[in-house]
Amino acid sequence: MRILFIRHGDPDYVNDTLTEKGHREAQLLAEMAKELKMGDCYQSPLGRAQATAAYSLGKLGKEARTLDWLREFPAKVDLNRSEELKRAYNDTRMEGERYGMRIAWDMLPDYLTGHPEYLDRERWRESEAARCSDLVTVYDLVTKGLDELLEHYGYVREGLHYRVIRENTQTVTCFCHFGITCVLLSHLWNVSPFVLWHTLALAPTSVTEVVSEEREQGIASFRGLRLGDLSHLYAGQEPPSFSARFCETFGNRQQRH
């Protein structure tokens, strides 16, 4: 079985749609849609993902099923419950007399690496960020959605691998988001989501491909063939968006800090 995770184009987050650049990126992706052999298509309920998918679906004459759990990972950390986390997410804005809620993966690297529980497959669930958020509950709901989808195609989660009920060489394509893709990969690969949130930067319209391997009959695991592929942008001479990245050097104030 083959799974493609495609991030939405350059985002206009305020209006939950694409920027002009994002539309160009999605159009270039659509030019390669046939070569990607997208198979069954699924999409996030959010506008920026659906606007991206629409170009490829139009080229292929396909429709996509909308899955709510493919929305950008919605768990939020409440800094008002922890003095420690105010240092981990040091640029959080005040909303009146309280700190605003934060997405989990924008934690400062120095805090992350100083607290190894975040990098552990199980211990991240007992971390301070998990204690002060709905992170574990939402993670489990999202990964349950993934497992139910895979079961539909013949792969049933069993411990840390998948039992093959029905051999399958189909492709499934998910038009979604950076944060949720890292969550889904972390489940497939049995690692902490914080590892992927902090080591990957999947640019807009990038293609990430994983495939099943059944080296023992009836037991499957998933391996990555490509991560964040942007060959469609390079072919169209469209520079990749900086979205999802932070400043390459601290002195560069034109990039996100």
Protein backbone atom coordinates (compact mmCIF):
# COMPACT_ATOMS: atom_id res chain seq x y z
CA MET A 1 0.00 0.00 0.00
CA ARG A 2 1.15 3.52 -0.79
CA ILE A 3 0.22 6.73 1.04
CA LEU A 4 0.84 10.29 -0.17
CA PHE A 5 0.63 13.17 2.30
CA ILE A 6 0.40 16.50 0.46
CA ARG A 7 0.61 19.77 2.34
CA HIS A 8 -1.57 22.68 1.25
CA GLY A 9 -0.13 25.55 -0.78
CA ASP A 10 1.33 28.76 0.62
CA PRO A 11 -1.30 29.73 3.20
CA ASP A 12 -3.38 32.75 3.99
CA TYR A 13 -4.08 31.59 7.53
CA VAL A 14 -6.31 34.53 8.45
CA ASN A 15 -8.81 33.67 5.72
CA ASP A 16 -8.04 29.92 5.65
CA THR A 17 -7.25 29.93 1.96
CA LEU A 18 -4.24 30.22 -0.34
CA THR A 19 -2.14 33.21 -1.25
CA GLU A 20 -1.54 33.99 -4.92
CA LYS A 21 1.70 32.07 -4.59
CA GLY A 22 -0.17 29.17 -3.01
CA HIS A 23 -2.49 28.99 -6.02
CA ARG A 24 0.52 28.89 -8.36
CA GLU A 25 2.04 26.08 -6.29
CA ALA A 26 -1.19 24.07 -6.34
CA GLN A 27 -1.49 24.51 -10.12
CA LEU A 28 2.06 23.19 -10.58
CA LEU A 29 1.30 20.24 -8.33
CA ALA A 30 -1.75 19.47 -10.46
CA GLU A 31 0.44 19.28 -13.57
CA MET A 32 2.08 16.23 -11.97
CA ALA A 33 -1.11 14.72 -10.56
CA LYS A 34 -1.35 11.97 -13.18
CA GLU A 35 2.27 10.95 -12.69
CA LEU A 36 1.72 10.78 -8.92
CA LYS A 37 -1.07 8.19 -9.41
CA MET A 38 -3.00 9.57 -6.45
CA GLY A 39 -5.58 6.79 -6.17
CA ASP A 40 -8.29 7.33 -3.56
CA CYS A 41 -8.18 10.94 -2.35
CA TYR A 42 -9.01 12.37 1.07
CA GLN A 43 -8.82 15.96 2.27
CA SER A 44 -8.84 18.09 5.37
CA PRO A 45 -12.02 20.11 6.05
CA LEU A 46 -9.98 23.33 6.09
CA GLY A 47 -10.14 25.74 3.17
CA ARG A 48 -6.44 25.94 2.35
CA ALA A 49 -6.17 22.15 1.96
CA GLN A 50 -9.34 21.90 -0.10
CA ALA A 51 -8.27 24.77 -2.37
CA THR A 52 -5.00 22.92 -2.98
CA ALA A 53 -6.72 19.61 -3.64
CA ALA A 54 -9.20 21.17 -6.07
CA TYR A 55 -6.56 21.74 -8.76
CA SER A 56 -5.34 18.13 -8.77
CA LEU A 57 -8.82 16.67 -8.42
CA GLY A 58 -9.96 18.77 -11.37
CA LYS A 59 -7.11 17.46 -13.52
CA LEU A 60 -7.92 13.87 -12.57
CA GLY A 61 -11.69 14.14 -12.68
CA LYS A 62 -11.81 12.85 -9.11
CA GLU A 63 -13.54 13.81 -5.91
CA ALA A 64 -12.05 13.66 -2.42
CA ARG A 65 -13.72 12.49 0.75
CA THR A 66 -13.37 15.00 3.60
CA LEU A 67 -12.10 13.56 6.89
CA ASP A 68 -12.32 15.80 9.95
CA TRP A 69 -9.26 14.26 11.60
CA LEU A 70 -7.10 15.44 8.67
CA ARG A 71 -7.55 19.07 9.78
CA GLU A 72 -4.41 20.79 11.09
CA PHE A 73 -3.58 19.18 14.43
CA PRO A 74 -5.88 21.11 16.76
CA ALA A 75 -4.40 20.40 20.20
CA LYS A 76 -3.51 23.57 22.14
CA VAL A 77 -1.20 24.18 25.10
CA ASP A 78 -2.42 26.39 27.97
CA LEU A 79 0.55 28.36 29.31
CA ASN A 80 -1.58 29.81 32.09
CA ARG A 81 -1.27 26.44 33.82
CA SER A 82 2.55 26.30 33.87
CA GLU A 83 5.33 28.77 34.62
CA GLU A 84 7.79 26.36 33.06
CA LEU A 85 6.06 26.36 29.68
CA LYS A 86 6.15 30.15 29.48
CA ARG A 87 9.88 29.70 28.87
CA ALA A 88 9.32 26.94 26.32
CA TYR A 89 6.95 29.12 24.26
CA ASN A 90 8.52 32.47 25.07
CA ASP A 91 6.84 34.60 22.37
CA THR A 92 3.23 33.83 23.31
CA ARG A 93 0.97 36.88 23.21
CA MET A 94 -1.18 38.01 26.09
CA GLU A 95 -4.94 38.10 25.51
CA GLY A 96 -6.07 40.51 28.19
CA GLU A 97 -4.59 39.21 31.43
CA ARG A 98 -4.05 35.66 30.17
CA TYR A 99 -1.70 33.98 27.74
CA GLY A 100 -3.16 32.83 24.45
CA MET A 101 -3.31 29.14 23.60
CA ARG A 102 -0.38 27.70 21.66
CA ILE A 103 0.10 24.96 19.10
CA ALA A 104 2.36 22.31 20.59
CA TRP A 105 5.16 22.20 18.04
CA ASP A 106 6.51 25.76 18.23
CA MET A 107 8.47 24.94 21.39
CA LEU A 108 11.97 26.44 21.64
CA PRO A 109 14.69 23.88 20.76
CA ASP A 110 16.69 24.58 23.93
CA TYR A 111 13.72 23.62 26.10
CA LEU A 112 12.93 20.58 23.98
CA THR A 113 16.43 19.13 24.07
CA GLY A 114 16.72 19.86 27.79
CA HIS A 115 13.65 17.70 28.48
CA PRO A 116 14.27 14.30 26.85
CA GLU A 117 10.80 13.03 27.71
CA TYR A 118 9.52 14.90 24.65
CA LEU A 119 11.71 12.78 22.39
CA ASP A 120 10.59 9.46 23.86
CA ARG A 121 7.90 7.40 22.12
CA GLU A 122 5.84 7.06 25.30
CA ARG A 123 7.11 9.61 27.80
CA TRP A 124 5.98 12.65 25.78
CA ARG A 125 2.50 11.73 26.96
CA GLU A 126 3.55 12.56 30.53
CA SER A 127 5.36 15.81 29.66
CA GLU A 128 4.48 19.24 30.99
CA ALA A 129 3.04 20.24 27.60
CA ALA A 130 0.83 17.16 27.61
CA ARG A 131 -0.30 17.89 31.17
CA CYS A 132 -1.34 21.41 30.23
CA SER A 133 -3.16 20.58 27.00
CA ASP A 134 -5.47 18.18 25.22
CA LEU A 135 -2.46 16.87 23.29
CA VAL A 136 -2.76 13.19 24.20
CA THR A 137 -6.53 13.02 23.74
CA VAL A 138 -6.41 14.68 20.33
CA TYR A 139 -3.40 12.61 19.23
CA ASP A 140 -5.22 9.41 20.06
CA LEU A 141 -8.35 10.53 18.19
CA VAL A 142 -6.32 11.42 15.10
CA THR A 143 -4.34 8.18 15.05
CA LYS A 144 -7.54 6.22 15.60
CA GLY A 145 -8.86 7.87 12.45
CA LEU A 146 -5.75 6.81 10.54
CA ASP A 147 -5.99 3.25 11.79
CA GLU A 148 -9.64 3.03 10.81
CA LEU A 149 -8.73 4.24 7.31
CA LEU A 150 -5.91 1.70 6.99
CA GLU A 151 -8.18 -1.07 8.24
CA HIS A 152 -10.54 -0.23 5.37
CA TYR A 153 -7.65 -1.06 3.02
CA GLY A 154 -6.73 -4.27 4.82
CA TYR A 155 -4.17 -3.20 7.45
CA VAL A 156 -5.11 -3.60 11.11
CA ARG A 157 -2.99 -2.02 13.86
CA GLU A 158 -1.53 -4.68 16.11
CA GLY A 159 0.90 -3.35 18.71
CA LEU A 160 3.57 -1.40 16.85
CA HIS A 161 2.95 -2.86 13.40
CA TYR A 162 0.02 -3.71 11.15
CA ARG A 163 -1.55 -7.10 10.55
CA VAL A 164 -2.27 -7.63 6.86
CA ILE A 165 -5.81 -8.84 6.45
CA ARG A 166 -5.89 -8.17 2.73
CA GLU A 167 -2.83 -7.49 0.56
CA ASN A 168 -3.16 -4.15 -1.16
CA THR A 169 -1.14 -2.14 -3.68
CA GLN A 170 -3.54 0.81 -3.87
CA THR A 171 -2.54 4.44 -3.34
CA VAL A 172 -4.24 6.76 -0.87
CA THR A 173 -3.63 10.53 -1.06
CA CYS A 174 -4.27 12.89 1.85
CA PHE A 175 -4.37 16.64 1.21
CA CYS A 176 -3.68 18.09 4.64
CA HIS A 177 -1.17 20.09 6.73
CA PHE A 178 2.33 20.07 8.21
CA GLY A 179 1.49 19.42 11.87
CA ILE A 180 -1.00 16.64 11.20
CA THR A 181 1.33 14.93 8.72
CA CYS A 182 4.01 14.75 11.42
CA VAL A 183 1.47 13.24 13.82
CA LEU A 184 0.43 10.59 11.30
CA LEU A 185 4.04 9.74 10.43
CA SER A 186 4.94 9.51 14.12
CA HIS A 187 2.20 6.90 14.56
CA LEU A 188 3.28 4.91 11.51
CA TRP A 189 6.93 5.06 12.57
CA ASN A 190 6.42 4.66 16.34
CA VAL A 191 8.24 7.83 17.39
CA SER A 192 7.28 10.89 19.42
CA PRO A 193 5.48 13.54 17.33
CA PHE A 194 7.86 16.13 18.80
CA VAL A 195 10.75 14.44 16.99
CA LEU A 196 9.13 15.02 13.61
CA TRP A 197 7.68 18.44 14.43
CA HIS A 198 11.21 19.62 15.21
CA THR A 199 13.23 17.79 12.56
CA LEU A 200 11.00 18.17 9.49
CA ALA A 201 9.85 21.29 7.66
CA LEU A 202 7.44 20.17 4.96
CA ALA A 203 7.03 23.09 2.58
CA PRO A 204 3.68 24.02 0.99
CA THR A 205 2.46 21.53 -1.67
CA SER A 206 5.29 19.16 -0.78
CA VAL A 207 4.68 15.46 -1.35
CA THR A 208 5.61 12.87 1.27
CA GLU A 209 5.35 9.23 0.25
CA VAL A 210 5.30 6.13 2.45
CA VAL A 211 4.77 2.52 1.42
CA SER A 212 4.02 -0.69 3.25
CA GLU A 213 6.60 -3.46 3.49
CA GLU A 214 5.58 -7.03 4.26
CA ARG A 215 8.88 -8.83 4.87
CA GLU A 216 7.07 -11.37 7.02
CA GLN A 217 3.80 -12.66 5.65
CA GLY A 218 0.91 -10.90 7.35
CA ILE A 219 3.03 -8.26 9.14
CA ALA A 220 3.44 -4.81 7.58
CA SER A 221 5.35 -1.67 8.46
CA PHE A 222 5.57 1.64 6.62
CA ARG A 223 8.73 3.26 5.26
CA GLY A 224 9.31 6.65 3.69
CA LEU A 225 10.34 6.87 0.05
CA ARG A 226 10.38 10.68 -0.10
CA LEU A 227 9.84 13.49 2.36
CA GLY A 228 8.69 16.95 1.34
CA ASP A 229 9.31 16.48 -2.39
CA LEU A 230 9.04 19.77 -4.32
CA SER A 231 10.06 18.63 -7.78
CA HIS A 232 6.87 20.10 -9.27
CA LEU A 233 7.89 23.56 -8.03
CA TYR A 234 11.43 23.22 -9.35
CA ALA A 235 10.07 22.10 -12.73
CA GLY A 236 7.88 25.21 -12.83
CA GLN A 237 10.66 27.49 -11.56
CA GLU A 238 8.55 28.46 -8.53
CA PRO A 239 10.63 29.06 -5.39
CA PRO A 240 9.49 27.06 -2.34
CA SER A 241 7.56 28.94 0.31
CA PHE A 242 9.25 29.62 3.65
CA SER A 243 6.10 28.61 5.53
CA ALA A 244 6.78 25.99 8.28
CA ARG A 245 10.39 27.13 8.65
CA PHE A 246 12.11 29.39 11.17
CA CYS A 247 15.02 31.77 10.59
CA GLU A 248 18.11 30.16 9.09
CA THR A 249 20.30 32.61 11.01
CA PHE A 250 19.13 34.56 14.05
CA GLY A 251 20.31 37.84 12.53
CA ASN A 252 17.93 37.50 9.57
CA ARG A 253 14.96 39.51 10.80
CA GLN A 254 13.08 39.05 7.52
CA GLN A 255 12.55 35.39 8.36
CA ARG A 256 10.28 33.99 11.08
CA HIS A 257 11.88 33.76 14.53
